[in-house]
N, C-alpha and C. Protein backbone atom coordinates (compact mmCIF):
# COMPACT_ATOMS: atom_id res chain seq x y z
N MET A 1 -4.55 1.23 14.97
CA MET A 1 -5.05 -0.07 14.59
C MET A 1 -3.86 -1.03 14.51
N THR A 2 -3.90 -2.09 15.22
CA THR A 2 -2.81 -3.05 15.29
C THR A 2 -2.57 -3.72 13.94
N GLY A 3 -1.30 -3.74 13.50
CA GLY A 3 -0.93 -4.43 12.27
C GLY A 3 -1.01 -3.58 11.03
N VAL A 4 -1.67 -2.45 11.07
CA VAL A 4 -1.77 -1.56 9.91
C VAL A 4 -0.79 -0.42 10.13
N ASP A 5 0.15 -0.25 9.17
CA ASP A 5 1.15 0.78 9.37
C ASP A 5 1.04 1.96 8.42
N GLN A 6 0.13 1.90 7.46
CA GLN A 6 -0.02 3.01 6.54
C GLN A 6 -1.43 3.02 5.96
N LEU A 7 -2.08 4.17 6.03
CA LEU A 7 -3.40 4.35 5.42
C LEU A 7 -3.30 5.51 4.44
N LYS A 8 -3.92 5.37 3.27
CA LYS A 8 -3.88 6.41 2.27
C LYS A 8 -5.24 6.50 1.60
N LEU A 9 -5.83 7.68 1.61
CA LEU A 9 -7.12 7.90 0.97
C LEU A 9 -6.87 8.44 -0.43
N GLU A 10 -7.37 7.74 -1.43
CA GLU A 10 -7.24 8.12 -2.84
C GLU A 10 -8.63 8.21 -3.44
N GLY A 11 -9.18 9.42 -3.46
CA GLY A 11 -10.56 9.59 -3.93
C GLY A 11 -11.50 8.88 -2.99
N ARG A 12 -12.24 7.91 -3.50
CA ARG A 12 -13.15 7.13 -2.66
C ARG A 12 -12.54 5.81 -2.19
N ALA A 13 -11.26 5.59 -2.51
CA ALA A 13 -10.58 4.35 -2.13
C ALA A 13 -9.65 4.59 -0.94
N LEU A 14 -9.69 3.68 0.00
CA LEU A 14 -8.79 3.71 1.14
C LEU A 14 -7.81 2.56 0.98
N ARG A 15 -6.52 2.88 0.95
CA ARG A 15 -5.49 1.85 0.82
C ARG A 15 -4.78 1.73 2.16
N ALA A 16 -4.52 0.50 2.57
CA ALA A 16 -3.85 0.24 3.84
C ALA A 16 -2.75 -0.78 3.63
N ARG A 17 -1.66 -0.60 4.34
CA ARG A 17 -0.56 -1.58 4.34
C ARG A 17 -0.59 -2.30 5.67
N ALA A 18 -0.37 -3.60 5.62
CA ALA A 18 -0.34 -4.39 6.85
C ALA A 18 0.58 -5.58 6.65
N ARG A 19 1.18 -6.04 7.72
CA ARG A 19 2.04 -7.23 7.63
C ARG A 19 1.20 -8.45 7.24
N ASP A 20 0.01 -8.57 7.81
CA ASP A 20 -0.89 -9.67 7.51
C ASP A 20 -2.23 -9.08 7.11
N GLY A 21 -2.38 -8.81 5.82
CA GLY A 21 -3.57 -8.15 5.31
C GLY A 21 -4.86 -8.90 5.61
N ALA A 22 -4.83 -10.21 5.47
CA ALA A 22 -6.04 -11.00 5.72
C ALA A 22 -6.50 -10.86 7.16
N ALA A 23 -5.57 -10.82 8.10
CA ALA A 23 -5.93 -10.67 9.51
C ALA A 23 -6.36 -9.24 9.82
N ALA A 24 -5.85 -8.26 9.07
CA ALA A 24 -6.17 -6.85 9.34
C ALA A 24 -7.54 -6.43 8.80
N ILE A 25 -8.04 -7.12 7.78
CA ILE A 25 -9.30 -6.71 7.15
C ILE A 25 -10.45 -6.56 8.15
N PRO A 26 -10.71 -7.52 9.03
CA PRO A 26 -11.83 -7.35 9.97
C PRO A 26 -11.66 -6.12 10.86
N ALA A 27 -10.44 -5.83 11.31
CA ALA A 27 -10.21 -4.66 12.17
C ALA A 27 -10.42 -3.36 11.39
N VAL A 28 -9.97 -3.33 10.14
CA VAL A 28 -10.16 -2.14 9.30
C VAL A 28 -11.65 -1.92 9.05
N LEU A 29 -12.37 -2.97 8.71
CA LEU A 29 -13.82 -2.85 8.47
C LEU A 29 -14.56 -2.41 9.74
N ALA A 30 -14.16 -2.94 10.89
CA ALA A 30 -14.79 -2.56 12.15
C ALA A 30 -14.53 -1.09 12.47
N ALA A 31 -13.30 -0.62 12.21
CA ALA A 31 -12.98 0.79 12.46
C ALA A 31 -13.77 1.70 11.53
N LEU A 32 -13.89 1.32 10.27
CA LEU A 32 -14.70 2.10 9.33
C LEU A 32 -16.15 2.14 9.78
N ASP A 33 -16.69 0.98 10.14
CA ASP A 33 -18.08 0.88 10.59
C ASP A 33 -18.32 1.73 11.83
N ALA A 34 -17.36 1.75 12.75
CA ALA A 34 -17.49 2.55 13.98
C ALA A 34 -17.59 4.04 13.68
N HIS A 35 -17.06 4.44 12.52
CA HIS A 35 -17.11 5.84 12.12
C HIS A 35 -18.20 6.10 11.08
N GLY A 36 -19.08 5.13 10.89
CA GLY A 36 -20.21 5.30 9.99
C GLY A 36 -19.87 5.18 8.51
N VAL A 37 -18.73 4.59 8.21
CA VAL A 37 -18.31 4.42 6.81
C VAL A 37 -18.56 2.97 6.41
N LYS A 38 -19.35 2.80 5.36
CA LYS A 38 -19.65 1.46 4.86
C LYS A 38 -18.76 1.15 3.66
N ALA A 39 -18.09 0.02 3.69
CA ALA A 39 -17.22 -0.40 2.59
C ALA A 39 -18.06 -1.09 1.53
N ALA A 40 -17.86 -0.69 0.27
CA ALA A 40 -18.57 -1.32 -0.84
C ALA A 40 -17.88 -2.62 -1.25
N SER A 41 -16.56 -2.65 -1.12
CA SER A 41 -15.81 -3.86 -1.46
C SER A 41 -14.44 -3.81 -0.78
N VAL A 42 -13.82 -4.96 -0.70
CA VAL A 42 -12.49 -5.10 -0.11
C VAL A 42 -11.66 -5.96 -1.05
N THR A 43 -10.42 -5.52 -1.28
CA THR A 43 -9.50 -6.28 -2.12
C THR A 43 -8.20 -6.48 -1.35
N LEU A 44 -7.70 -7.69 -1.37
CA LEU A 44 -6.44 -8.01 -0.72
C LEU A 44 -5.43 -8.30 -1.83
N ALA A 45 -4.29 -7.61 -1.81
CA ALA A 45 -3.28 -7.80 -2.84
C ALA A 45 -1.89 -7.84 -2.21
N ARG A 46 -1.07 -8.71 -2.73
CA ARG A 46 0.33 -8.76 -2.29
C ARG A 46 1.12 -7.75 -3.12
N PRO A 47 2.12 -7.10 -2.52
CA PRO A 47 2.91 -6.13 -3.28
C PRO A 47 3.77 -6.83 -4.33
N SER A 48 3.95 -6.16 -5.45
CA SER A 48 4.84 -6.69 -6.48
C SER A 48 6.28 -6.44 -6.06
N LEU A 49 7.21 -7.05 -6.75
CA LEU A 49 8.63 -6.82 -6.47
C LEU A 49 8.97 -5.35 -6.66
N ASP A 50 8.39 -4.71 -7.68
CA ASP A 50 8.61 -3.28 -7.92
C ASP A 50 8.08 -2.44 -6.77
N ASP A 51 6.90 -2.82 -6.21
CA ASP A 51 6.34 -2.10 -5.06
C ASP A 51 7.29 -2.16 -3.87
N VAL A 52 7.84 -3.33 -3.61
CA VAL A 52 8.76 -3.52 -2.48
C VAL A 52 10.02 -2.70 -2.70
N TYR A 53 10.58 -2.75 -3.90
CA TYR A 53 11.79 -1.98 -4.21
C TYR A 53 11.53 -0.49 -4.04
N LEU A 54 10.43 0.00 -4.57
CA LEU A 54 10.07 1.42 -4.47
C LEU A 54 9.95 1.85 -3.02
N ARG A 55 9.33 1.03 -2.20
CA ARG A 55 9.14 1.37 -0.80
C ARG A 55 10.47 1.47 -0.05
N HIS A 56 11.41 0.59 -0.37
CA HIS A 56 12.68 0.57 0.35
C HIS A 56 13.77 1.43 -0.28
N ALA A 57 13.75 1.57 -1.61
CA ALA A 57 14.79 2.35 -2.29
C ALA A 57 14.34 3.78 -2.60
N GLY A 58 13.02 4.00 -2.57
CA GLY A 58 12.52 5.34 -2.82
C GLY A 58 12.40 5.70 -4.29
N ARG A 59 12.60 4.75 -5.18
CA ARG A 59 12.44 4.98 -6.61
C ARG A 59 12.12 3.65 -7.30
N ALA A 60 11.56 3.73 -8.47
CA ALA A 60 11.18 2.52 -9.22
C ALA A 60 12.38 1.98 -9.98
N PHE A 61 12.29 0.70 -10.41
CA PHE A 61 13.38 0.09 -11.17
C PHE A 61 13.73 0.92 -12.40
N ASN A 62 12.72 1.36 -13.15
CA ASN A 62 12.99 2.09 -14.39
C ASN A 62 13.68 3.42 -14.12
N GLN A 63 13.40 4.06 -12.98
CA GLN A 63 14.12 5.29 -12.61
C GLN A 63 15.58 4.98 -12.34
N ALA A 64 15.86 3.91 -11.63
CA ALA A 64 17.23 3.53 -11.31
C ALA A 64 17.99 3.23 -12.60
N ASP A 65 17.35 2.57 -13.55
CA ASP A 65 18.00 2.24 -14.82
C ASP A 65 18.33 3.52 -15.59
N THR A 66 17.41 4.48 -15.62
CA THR A 66 17.63 5.75 -16.32
C THR A 66 18.78 6.51 -15.67
N GLU A 67 18.82 6.55 -14.34
CA GLU A 67 19.88 7.25 -13.64
C GLU A 67 21.22 6.58 -13.91
N HIS A 68 21.24 5.26 -13.98
CA HIS A 68 22.47 4.52 -14.25
C HIS A 68 22.99 4.86 -15.65
N LYS A 69 22.12 4.94 -16.64
CA LYS A 69 22.52 5.26 -18.01
C LYS A 69 23.07 6.67 -18.10
N GLU A 70 22.46 7.63 -17.35
CA GLU A 70 22.95 9.00 -17.36
C GLU A 70 24.35 9.10 -16.76
N VAL A 71 24.62 8.37 -15.71
CA VAL A 71 25.93 8.37 -15.06
C VAL A 71 26.96 7.72 -15.96
N ALA A 72 26.57 6.66 -16.65
CA ALA A 72 27.49 5.91 -17.51
C ALA A 72 27.87 6.67 -18.77
N SER A 73 27.03 7.60 -19.20
CA SER A 73 27.28 8.34 -20.46
C SER A 73 28.44 9.30 -20.34
């Protein structure tokens, strides 16, 4: 699916990452519909600063702070 780079199924929720979420929603819904899956609702959310940091650094801010304190001790 063009523009969607990550799909994750969490229970009954499907989470997707896309560069342009608003533009990707119709394609995601069409793909689900083509497979007989009906969406009950759709939510579009921008990632928080912590989400972005976690994705690129591989750990959350609070983990980095804890590790820094352990090294400093």
